[in-house]
Amino acid sequence: MVMQRDEAMSNPSRNEQRELWNGSAGQVWVESQALLDQMLRPIGEHVVTRVLDHSPGHVLDVGCGTGGTTVAVATALAEDGRCVGVDVSEAMVRAARRRALNAGVAADFVHACAQSHPFESDLADVVMSRFGVMFFSDFVAAFGNLRRSARPGARLQAVTWRHPDENPFMTAAERAAVSMLPELPPRVPGAPGQFGLADADGIRRMLVDAGWSDIEIDPLDASCSFPEEELDRYLATMGPVGRALQGVDDARRRQVVEAIRPAFEPFVEREDVRFEAACWSISARNPGG
């Protein structure tokens, strides 16, 4: 995630992202690592395949989270390459390092904001991201910084969410909970967050302004799933509703989860929860130094 994911007192949204991912949200992602790995596997596999199609030597994984995509690429590259993951969440970077160590993979991880971190120039043949570039407070500055870390001719391969209306699973909880949790913040189009890069025309403009060329933005629809027995925990911990429930007692948490669970019945198929993830698959090239 440069989940998402930022810095500086003069920029409140940057501070909010940093605080969010170094607080409860980051810890929840670590605790839910296995669930999220399973749920997002098709999207991660898409990104990894696109990256490896370029036969890279060095890869930078932006918003690497707990390191699933970083370790997958590093495993495929073996001794022929290097994969570096970067994330603003200290807890997730620690988890990513444990994952790489347990897998016996030589991946590197950096705890930093990818928007402003002074990466080595000409570091990467491919800059990759699975849902990690939607959280920047200044998208053009961030994509420009990432381009400067890339070698001439290097590729950007990223996946972001499309519009909330195309992702009913991702918004069902907050829609169902609006009367019980009126304090839930509204979705602000284009603001840093899950749907911060939902507009293809906006993505293209930002990448052009940041110096990228040969931009391709294609729809990606992925069939995702996880065990139905994990649904209550997912509702109680993930997304805006999960964050709102972090500060309430167990009885209130159960009450809200029980109230919103019927909204997910359309996604339950026997022992699994299944949904279609509507995403953008983004590719671009660094035209020069």
Protein backbone atom coordinates (compact mmCIF):
# COMPACT_ATOMS: atom_id res chain seq x y z
CA MET A 1 0.00 0.00 0.00
CA VAL A 2 2.28 3.47 -0.31
CA MET A 3 -0.70 2.39 1.73
CA GLN A 4 -1.09 4.46 0.09
CA ARG A 5 1.67 7.07 2.86
CA ASP A 6 3.07 10.66 3.38
CA GLU A 7 4.91 13.78 5.48
CA ALA A 8 5.28 17.58 6.49
CA MET A 9 3.23 19.70 8.89
CA SER A 10 2.35 22.10 6.07
CA ASN A 11 0.33 19.36 4.35
CA PRO A 12 -2.44 17.92 6.57
CA SER A 13 -3.46 15.17 4.12
CA ARG A 14 0.12 13.93 3.99
CA ASN A 15 0.26 13.79 7.78
CA GLU A 16 -3.12 12.07 7.93
CA GLN A 17 -1.94 9.29 5.62
CA ARG A 18 1.27 8.81 7.57
CA GLU A 19 -0.62 8.67 10.87
CA LEU A 20 -3.25 6.35 9.43
CA TRP A 21 -0.82 3.74 8.11
CA ASN A 22 1.44 3.92 11.13
CA GLY A 23 -1.56 3.49 13.42
CA SER A 24 -4.52 1.15 13.46
CA ALA A 25 -4.86 0.74 9.68
CA GLY A 26 -1.30 -0.47 9.25
CA GLN A 27 -1.58 -2.87 12.17
CA VAL A 28 -4.85 -4.27 10.83
CA TRP A 29 -3.21 -4.97 7.47
CA VAL A 30 -0.41 -6.85 9.24
CA GLU A 31 -2.85 -8.88 11.32
CA SER A 32 -4.97 -9.61 8.21
CA GLN A 33 -2.02 -10.42 5.96
CA ALA A 34 -3.16 -13.95 5.04
CA LEU A 35 -6.75 -12.84 4.35
CA LEU A 36 -5.68 -9.91 2.18
CA ASP A 37 -3.09 -11.98 0.32
CA GLN A 38 -5.84 -14.42 -0.65
CA MET A 39 -8.39 -11.75 -1.48
CA LEU A 40 -6.04 -9.71 -3.70
CA ARG A 41 -4.12 -12.62 -5.22
CA PRO A 42 -5.47 -12.25 -8.80
CA ILE A 43 -4.50 -8.58 -8.87
CA GLY A 44 -1.06 -9.22 -7.43
CA GLU A 45 -0.48 -11.98 -9.97
CA HIS A 46 -1.47 -9.60 -12.78
CA VAL A 47 1.04 -6.97 -11.65
CA VAL A 48 3.85 -9.47 -11.11
CA THR A 49 3.29 -11.03 -14.54
CA ARG A 50 3.36 -7.63 -16.25
CA VAL A 51 6.57 -6.74 -14.42
CA LEU A 52 8.34 -9.98 -15.31
CA ASP A 53 7.31 -9.58 -18.97
CA HIS A 54 9.93 -6.80 -19.11
CA SER A 55 12.74 -9.11 -17.88
CA PRO A 56 13.88 -6.52 -15.33
CA GLY A 57 17.10 -6.49 -13.36
CA HIS A 58 16.03 -4.04 -10.65
CA VAL A 59 12.42 -3.48 -9.52
CA LEU A 60 10.99 -0.88 -7.13
CA ASP A 61 7.69 -1.93 -5.47
CA VAL A 62 5.80 1.18 -4.32
CA GLY A 63 3.42 0.82 -1.40
CA CYS A 64 4.65 -2.73 -0.91
CA GLY A 65 2.60 -3.29 2.24
CA THR A 66 3.50 -6.59 3.85
CA GLY A 67 5.66 -7.55 0.89
CA GLY A 68 3.62 -10.10 -1.06
CA THR A 69 4.34 -8.67 -4.51
CA THR A 70 7.93 -7.74 -3.59
CA VAL A 71 8.74 -11.27 -2.50
CA ALA A 72 7.01 -12.76 -5.56
CA VAL A 73 9.13 -10.66 -7.93
CA ALA A 74 12.32 -11.20 -5.93
CA THR A 75 11.70 -14.96 -5.99
CA ALA A 76 11.32 -14.92 -9.77
CA LEU A 77 14.42 -12.76 -10.27
CA ALA A 78 16.51 -14.87 -7.85
CA GLU A 79 20.20 -13.94 -8.12
CA ASP A 80 19.71 -12.23 -11.48
CA GLY A 81 18.03 -9.14 -10.05
CA ARG A 82 17.04 -7.01 -7.10
CA CYS A 83 13.63 -6.00 -5.77
CA VAL A 84 13.18 -3.13 -3.31
CA GLY A 85 9.87 -2.50 -1.55
CA VAL A 86 8.98 0.88 -0.07
CA ASP A 87 6.10 1.74 2.25
CA VAL A 88 5.21 4.52 4.68
CA SER A 89 3.92 2.00 7.27
CA GLU A 90 6.65 0.89 9.65
CA ALA A 91 4.57 -2.08 10.85
CA MET A 92 4.01 -3.32 7.32
CA VAL A 93 7.67 -2.93 6.39
CA ARG A 94 8.64 -5.02 9.43
CA ALA A 95 6.13 -7.66 8.34
CA ALA A 96 7.51 -7.57 4.79
CA ARG A 97 11.04 -8.14 6.06
CA ARG A 98 9.84 -11.13 8.09
CA ARG A 99 8.07 -12.52 5.03
CA ALA A 100 11.20 -12.24 2.89
CA LEU A 101 13.35 -13.81 5.62
CA ASN A 102 10.92 -16.71 6.07
CA ALA A 103 10.84 -17.23 2.29
CA GLY A 104 14.63 -17.16 2.05
CA VAL A 105 14.41 -14.34 -0.51
CA ALA A 106 16.90 -11.48 -0.77
CA ALA A 107 14.44 -8.59 -1.06
CA ASP A 108 15.15 -5.14 0.41
CA PHE A 109 12.63 -2.88 2.14
CA VAL A 110 12.62 0.84 2.88
CA HIS A 111 10.37 2.57 5.42
CA ALA A 112 9.75 5.90 3.69
CA CYS A 113 7.28 8.09 1.82
CA ALA A 114 7.77 7.29 -1.86
CA GLN A 115 6.50 10.77 -2.78
CA SER A 116 9.61 12.47 -1.43
CA HIS A 117 12.18 9.78 -0.55
CA PRO A 118 15.57 10.43 -2.24
CA PHE A 119 15.87 7.14 -4.12
CA GLU A 120 19.02 6.30 -6.00
CA SER A 121 18.81 7.69 -9.52
CA ASP A 122 18.52 5.06 -12.25
CA LEU A 123 17.58 2.53 -9.55
CA ALA A 124 14.84 0.60 -11.32
CA ASP A 125 14.09 -1.05 -14.65
CA VAL A 126 10.47 -1.32 -13.51
CA VAL A 127 8.52 0.67 -10.94
CA MET A 128 5.58 -1.46 -9.82
CA SER A 129 2.61 -1.05 -7.50
CA ARG A 130 -0.46 -3.01 -6.47
CA PHE A 131 -2.81 -0.45 -4.91
CA GLY A 132 0.07 1.58 -3.51
CA VAL A 133 0.00 4.86 -5.46
CA MET A 134 -3.49 6.19 -4.60
CA PHE A 135 -2.53 7.74 -1.26
CA PHE A 136 -0.08 10.49 -2.22
CA SER A 137 -0.92 14.06 -1.26
CA ASP A 138 0.63 15.33 -4.54
CA PHE A 139 0.29 12.75 -7.30
CA VAL A 140 2.37 14.64 -9.87
CA ALA A 141 5.23 15.17 -7.41
CA ALA A 142 5.09 11.51 -6.41
CA PHE A 143 5.07 10.14 -9.96
CA GLY A 144 7.87 12.56 -10.83
CA ASN A 145 9.96 11.32 -7.91
CA LEU A 146 9.36 7.72 -8.96
CA ARG A 147 10.33 8.52 -12.56
CA ARG A 148 13.60 10.00 -11.36
CA SER A 149 14.33 6.71 -9.62
CA ALA A 150 13.86 4.87 -12.91
CA ARG A 151 16.40 4.29 -15.65
CA PRO A 152 15.82 5.73 -19.13
CA GLY A 153 13.35 3.44 -20.85
CA ALA A 154 12.18 1.92 -17.55
CA ARG A 155 8.54 0.95 -17.17
CA LEU A 156 5.84 1.83 -14.67
CA GLN A 157 3.36 -1.00 -13.97
CA ALA A 158 0.61 -0.24 -11.48
CA VAL A 159 -2.95 -1.16 -10.57
CA THR A 160 -5.46 1.22 -8.98
CA TRP A 161 -9.19 0.99 -8.22
CA ARG A 162 -11.73 2.32 -10.68
CA HIS A 163 -14.77 4.37 -9.57
CA PRO A 164 -16.56 3.44 -6.30
CA ASP A 165 -19.79 2.86 -8.27
CA GLU A 166 -18.00 0.06 -10.13
CA ASN A 167 -16.85 -1.51 -6.86
CA PRO A 168 -20.01 -2.15 -4.81
CA PHE A 169 -18.29 -4.67 -2.56
CA MET A 170 -15.78 -2.03 -1.45
CA THR A 171 -18.47 0.48 -0.53
CA ALA A 172 -21.29 -1.78 0.74
CA ALA A 173 -20.24 -1.57 4.41
CA GLU A 174 -20.27 2.22 4.63
CA ARG A 175 -23.53 2.47 2.68
CA ALA A 176 -25.18 -0.01 5.04
CA ALA A 177 -23.73 1.62 8.16
CA VAL A 178 -24.47 5.26 7.36
CA SER A 179 -27.39 5.51 9.81
CA MET A 180 -25.45 3.81 12.60
CA LEU A 181 -22.14 5.59 12.01
CA PRO A 182 -23.01 9.11 10.82
CA GLU A 183 -19.46 10.19 11.57
CA LEU A 184 -18.10 8.19 8.63
CA PRO A 185 -16.19 10.59 6.35
CA PRO A 186 -17.65 11.03 2.85
CA ARG A 187 -15.74 9.83 -0.19
CA VAL A 188 -14.08 12.83 -1.87
CA PRO A 189 -13.38 12.21 -5.59
CA GLY A 190 -9.67 12.51 -6.38
CA ALA A 191 -8.61 12.82 -2.73
CA PRO A 192 -5.80 10.61 -1.45
CA GLY A 193 -7.24 7.23 -0.59
CA GLN A 194 -8.56 4.00 -2.07
CA PHE A 195 -10.26 5.72 -5.02
CA GLY A 196 -7.78 8.58 -5.38
CA LEU A 197 -6.82 7.43 -8.88
CA ALA A 198 -10.20 6.26 -10.16
CA ASP A 199 -10.33 8.64 -13.13
CA ALA A 200 -8.35 7.43 -16.16
CA ASP A 201 -8.12 10.87 -17.78
CA GLY A 202 -6.81 12.30 -14.52
CA ILE A 203 -4.21 9.55 -14.21
CA ARG A 204 -3.01 10.23 -17.75
CA ARG A 205 -2.67 13.97 -17.12
CA MET A 206 -0.72 13.38 -13.91
CA LEU A 207 1.67 10.93 -15.54
CA VAL A 208 2.29 13.28 -18.48
CA ASP A 209 2.94 16.17 -16.08
CA ALA A 210 5.36 13.94 -14.15
CA GLY A 211 7.33 13.18 -17.32
CA TRP A 212 6.13 9.67 -18.20
CA SER A 213 5.34 8.69 -21.80
CA ASP A 214 3.73 5.82 -23.76
CA ILE A 215 0.92 5.72 -21.20
CA GLU A 216 -1.63 2.90 -21.36
CA ILE A 217 -4.58 2.68 -18.96
CA ASP A 218 -6.72 -0.41 -19.45
CA PRO A 219 -9.68 -1.80 -17.47
CA LEU A 220 -8.81 -4.79 -15.32
CA ASP A 221 -11.63 -6.86 -13.83
CA ALA A 222 -10.48 -9.45 -11.32
CA SER A 223 -12.51 -12.14 -9.56
CA CYS A 224 -11.55 -12.01 -5.88
CA SER A 225 -12.58 -14.24 -2.99
CA PHE A 226 -11.95 -15.17 0.63
CA PRO A 227 -13.57 -17.60 3.12
CA GLU A 228 -17.06 -16.63 4.31
CA GLU A 229 -16.00 -17.39 7.88
CA GLU A 230 -13.67 -14.35 7.66
CA LEU A 231 -16.42 -11.90 6.65
CA ASP A 232 -17.31 -10.67 10.15
CA ARG A 233 -13.66 -9.97 10.94
CA TYR A 234 -13.27 -8.20 7.60
CA LEU A 235 -16.28 -5.97 8.32
CA ALA A 236 -15.12 -5.19 11.85
CA THR A 237 -11.59 -4.16 10.89
CA MET A 238 -11.22 -3.09 7.27
CA GLY A 239 -12.13 0.10 5.41
CA PRO A 240 -13.84 3.22 6.78
CA VAL A 241 -16.30 1.19 8.87
CA GLY A 242 -13.54 -0.96 10.35
CA ARG A 243 -11.58 2.15 11.29
CA ALA A 244 -14.66 3.73 12.88
CA LEU A 245 -15.17 0.57 14.96
CA GLN A 246 -11.64 0.51 16.37
CA GLY A 247 -12.61 2.80 19.24
CA VAL A 248 -15.90 1.18 20.28
CA ASP A 249 -16.63 -1.63 22.73
CA ASP A 250 -17.16 -5.23 21.63
CA ALA A 251 -20.94 -5.09 22.04
CA ARG A 252 -21.27 -2.04 19.80
CA ARG A 253 -18.89 -3.57 17.24
CA ARG A 254 -20.97 -6.76 17.07
CA GLN A 255 -24.16 -4.71 16.77
CA VAL A 256 -22.84 -2.78 13.75
CA VAL A 257 -21.41 -5.87 12.04
CA GLU A 258 -24.69 -7.76 12.47
CA ALA A 259 -26.61 -4.80 11.05
CA ILE A 260 -24.48 -4.42 7.91
CA ARG A 261 -23.84 -8.09 7.20
CA PRO A 262 -27.06 -8.57 5.16
CA ALA A 263 -25.69 -6.06 2.63
CA PHE A 264 -23.04 -8.65 1.76
CA GLU A 265 -25.40 -11.54 1.11
CA PRO A 266 -25.19 -10.95 -2.68
CA PHE A 267 -21.46 -11.67 -2.44
CA VAL A 268 -21.70 -14.89 -0.42
CA GLU A 269 -21.54 -18.14 -2.40
CA ARG A 270 -21.65 -21.17 -0.14
CA GLU A 271 -18.40 -21.07 1.88
CA ASP A 272 -16.81 -18.12 0.06
CA VAL A 273 -17.22 -14.39 -0.35
CA ARG A 274 -16.77 -13.49 -4.03
CA PHE A 275 -16.71 -10.13 -5.79
CA GLU A 276 -15.43 -8.46 -8.94
CA ALA A 277 -12.68 -5.89 -8.44
CA ALA A 278 -12.91 -3.11 -11.04
CA CYS A 279 -9.41 -1.70 -11.52
CA TRP A 280 -7.13 0.17 -13.89
CA SER A 281 -3.99 -1.53 -15.18
CA ILE A 282 -1.51 1.28 -15.81
CA SER A 283 1.65 1.16 -17.89
CA ALA A 284 4.05 3.97 -18.81
CA ARG A 285 7.67 4.52 -19.87
CA ASN A 286 10.41 6.83 -18.61
CA PRO A 287 11.53 8.51 -21.84
CA GLY A 288 14.91 9.66 -20.59
CA GLY A 289 17.20 10.55 -17.72
